[in-house]
Amino acid sequence: MQETSKDKVKKIYSFLWLAACVMLSLGGVAAFIFLFAPIFNIYWLILSPIIIAMYQIPAVYLYSRWKKWKGRSNDQNERHGS
């Protein structure tokens, strides 16, 4: 079966969502390093997993939205393909 232009746009759209997730994740780590590296001590070492997790929330949210969109898209394709 030939791939339509609509399918190509969906693949590009999907790739952009994943790229945004990766960029937000890297941005969260970079923000943590930028903000806390100059004043790093044992207190920040103990709290760093929690702080990094907080900076990762936007990336995780966007990834979950992408998975939901991808799953819904696959379900629609299966219904129309059969």
C-alpha atoms as a PDB file:
ATOM      1  CA  MET A   1       0.000   0.000   0.000  1.00  0.00           C
ATOM      2  CA  GLN A   2       1.278   3.430  -0.933  1.00  0.00           C
ATOM      3  CA  GLU A   3       1.912   6.025   1.706  1.00  0.00           C
ATOM      4  CA  THR A   4      -0.212   9.148   1.279  1.00  0.00           C
ATOM      5  CA  SER A   5       0.907  12.675   1.989  1.00  0.00           C
ATOM      6  CA  LYS A   6      -1.357  12.680   5.054  1.00  0.00           C
ATOM      7  CA  ASP A   7       0.578   9.701   6.456  1.00  0.00           C
ATOM      8  CA  LYS A   8       3.862  11.507   5.823  1.00  0.00           C
ATOM      9  CA  VAL A   9       2.609  14.575   7.661  1.00  0.00           C
ATOM     10  CA  LYS A  10       1.549  12.380  10.595  1.00  0.00           C
ATOM     11  CA  LYS A  11       5.036  10.825  10.733  1.00  0.00           C
ATOM     12  CA  ILE A  12       6.677  14.255  10.668  1.00  0.00           C
ATOM     13  CA  TYR A  13       4.257  15.476  13.342  1.00  0.00           C
ATOM     14  CA  SER A  14       5.048  12.424  15.464  1.00  0.00           C
ATOM     15  CA  PHE A  15       8.783  12.992  15.068  1.00  0.00           C
ATOM     16  CA  LEU A  16       8.400  16.632  16.118  1.00  0.00           C
ATOM     17  CA  TRP A  17       6.545  15.585  19.275  1.00  0.00           C
ATOM     18  CA  LEU A  18       9.362  13.192  20.195  1.00  0.00           C
ATOM     19  CA  ALA A  19      11.994  15.815  19.410  1.00  0.00           C
ATOM     20  CA  ALA A  20      10.158  18.273  21.680  1.00  0.00           C
ATOM     21  CA  CYS A  21      10.143  15.664  24.470  1.00  0.00           C
ATOM     22  CA  VAL A  22      13.884  15.145  24.155  1.00  0.00           C
ATOM     23  CA  MET A  23      14.558  18.891  24.042  1.00  0.00           C
ATOM     24  CA  LEU A  24      12.451  19.504  27.161  1.00  0.00           C
ATOM     25  CA  SER A  25      14.222  16.684  28.961  1.00  0.00           C
ATOM     26  CA  LEU A  26      17.670  17.992  28.072  1.00  0.00           C
ATOM     27  CA  GLY A  27      16.541  21.505  28.945  1.00  0.00           C
ATOM     28  CA  GLY A  28      15.490  20.307  32.402  1.00  0.00           C
ATOM     29  CA  VAL A  29      18.868  18.744  33.066  1.00  0.00           C
ATOM     30  CA  ALA A  30      20.640  21.832  31.727  1.00  0.00           C
ATOM     31  CA  ALA A  31      18.516  24.096  33.937  1.00  0.00           C
ATOM     32  CA  PHE A  32      19.389  21.995  36.980  1.00  0.00           C
ATOM     33  CA  ILE A  33      23.105  22.186  36.206  1.00  0.00           C
ATOM     34  CA  PHE A  34      22.929  25.917  35.477  1.00  0.00           C
ATOM     35  CA  LEU A  35      21.048  26.750  38.660  1.00  0.00           C
ATOM     36  CA  PHE A  36      22.591  24.401  41.189  1.00  0.00           C
ATOM     37  CA  ALA A  37      26.153  23.646  40.042  1.00  0.00           C
ATOM     38  CA  PRO A  38      27.664  26.887  41.385  1.00  0.00           C
ATOM     39  CA  ILE A  39      26.222  26.315  44.890  1.00  0.00           C
ATOM     40  CA  PHE A  40      26.375  22.509  44.955  1.00  0.00           C
ATOM     41  CA  ASN A  41      26.858  20.923  48.371  1.00  0.00           C
ATOM     42  CA  ILE A  42      25.633  17.825  50.250  1.00  0.00           C
ATOM     43  CA  TYR A  43      22.154  19.318  50.656  1.00  0.00           C
ATOM     44  CA  TRP A  44      21.722  19.647  46.885  1.00  0.00           C
ATOM     45  CA  LEU A  45      23.245  16.194  46.376  1.00  0.00           C
ATOM     46  CA  ILE A  46      20.538  14.672  48.558  1.00  0.00           C
ATOM     47  CA  LEU A  47      17.744  16.673  46.918  1.00  0.00           C
ATOM     48  CA  SER A  48      19.027  16.457  43.332  1.00  0.00           C
ATOM     49  CA  PRO A  49      16.928  13.412  42.275  1.00  0.00           C
ATOM     50  CA  ILE A  50      13.758  15.204  43.357  1.00  0.00           C
ATOM     51  CA  ILE A  51      14.749  18.469  41.705  1.00  0.00           C
ATOM     52  CA  ILE A  52      15.715  16.766  38.435  1.00  0.00           C
ATOM     53  CA  ALA A  53      12.433  14.843  38.474  1.00  0.00           C
ATOM     54  CA  MET A  54      10.542  18.119  38.841  1.00  0.00           C
ATOM     55  CA  TYR A  55      12.372  19.563  35.844  1.00  0.00           C
ATOM     56  CA  GLN A  56      11.449  16.447  33.816  1.00  0.00           C
ATOM     57  CA  ILE A  57       7.685  16.795  34.369  1.00  0.00           C
ATOM     58  CA  PRO A  58       7.028  18.811  31.155  1.00  0.00           C
ATOM     59  CA  ALA A  59       8.898  16.255  29.043  1.00  0.00           C
ATOM     60  CA  VAL A  60       7.048  13.330  30.637  1.00  0.00           C
ATOM     61  CA  TYR A  61       3.701  15.049  30.149  1.00  0.00           C
ATOM     62  CA  LEU A  62       4.414  15.742  26.492  1.00  0.00           C
ATOM     63  CA  TYR A  63       5.589  12.151  25.981  1.00  0.00           C
ATOM     64  CA  SER A  64       2.418  10.754  27.546  1.00  0.00           C
ATOM     65  CA  ARG A  65       0.309  12.970  25.269  1.00  0.00           C
ATOM     66  CA  TRP A  66       2.293  11.715  22.269  1.00  0.00           C
ATOM     67  CA  LYS A  67       1.748   8.077  23.270  1.00  0.00           C
ATOM     68  CA  LYS A  68      -1.972   8.690  23.693  1.00  0.00           C
ATOM     69  CA  TRP A  69      -2.142  10.404  20.287  1.00  0.00           C
ATOM     70  CA  LYS A  70      -0.064   7.646  18.678  1.00  0.00           C
ATOM     71  CA  GLY A  71      -2.258   4.912  20.157  1.00  0.00           C
ATOM     72  CA  ARG A  72      -5.427   6.628  18.995  1.00  0.00           C
ATOM     73  CA  SER A  73      -3.924   7.132  15.540  1.00  0.00           C
ATOM     74  CA  ASN A  74      -2.950   3.435  15.299  1.00  0.00           C
ATOM     75  CA  ASP A  75      -6.448   2.359  16.377  1.00  0.00           C
ATOM     76  CA  GLN A  76      -8.032   4.509  13.665  1.00  0.00           C
ATOM     77  CA  ASN A  77      -5.649   3.133  11.033  1.00  0.00           C
ATOM     78  CA  GLU A  78      -6.456  -0.449  12.021  1.00  0.00           C
ATOM     79  CA  ARG A  79     -10.196   0.193  11.819  1.00  0.00           C
ATOM     80  CA  HIS A  80      -9.965   1.817   8.383  1.00  0.00           C
ATOM     81  CA  GLY A  81      -7.339  -0.588   7.069  1.00  0.00           C
ATOM     82  CA  SER A  82      -9.385  -3.775   7.570  1.00  0.00           C
END
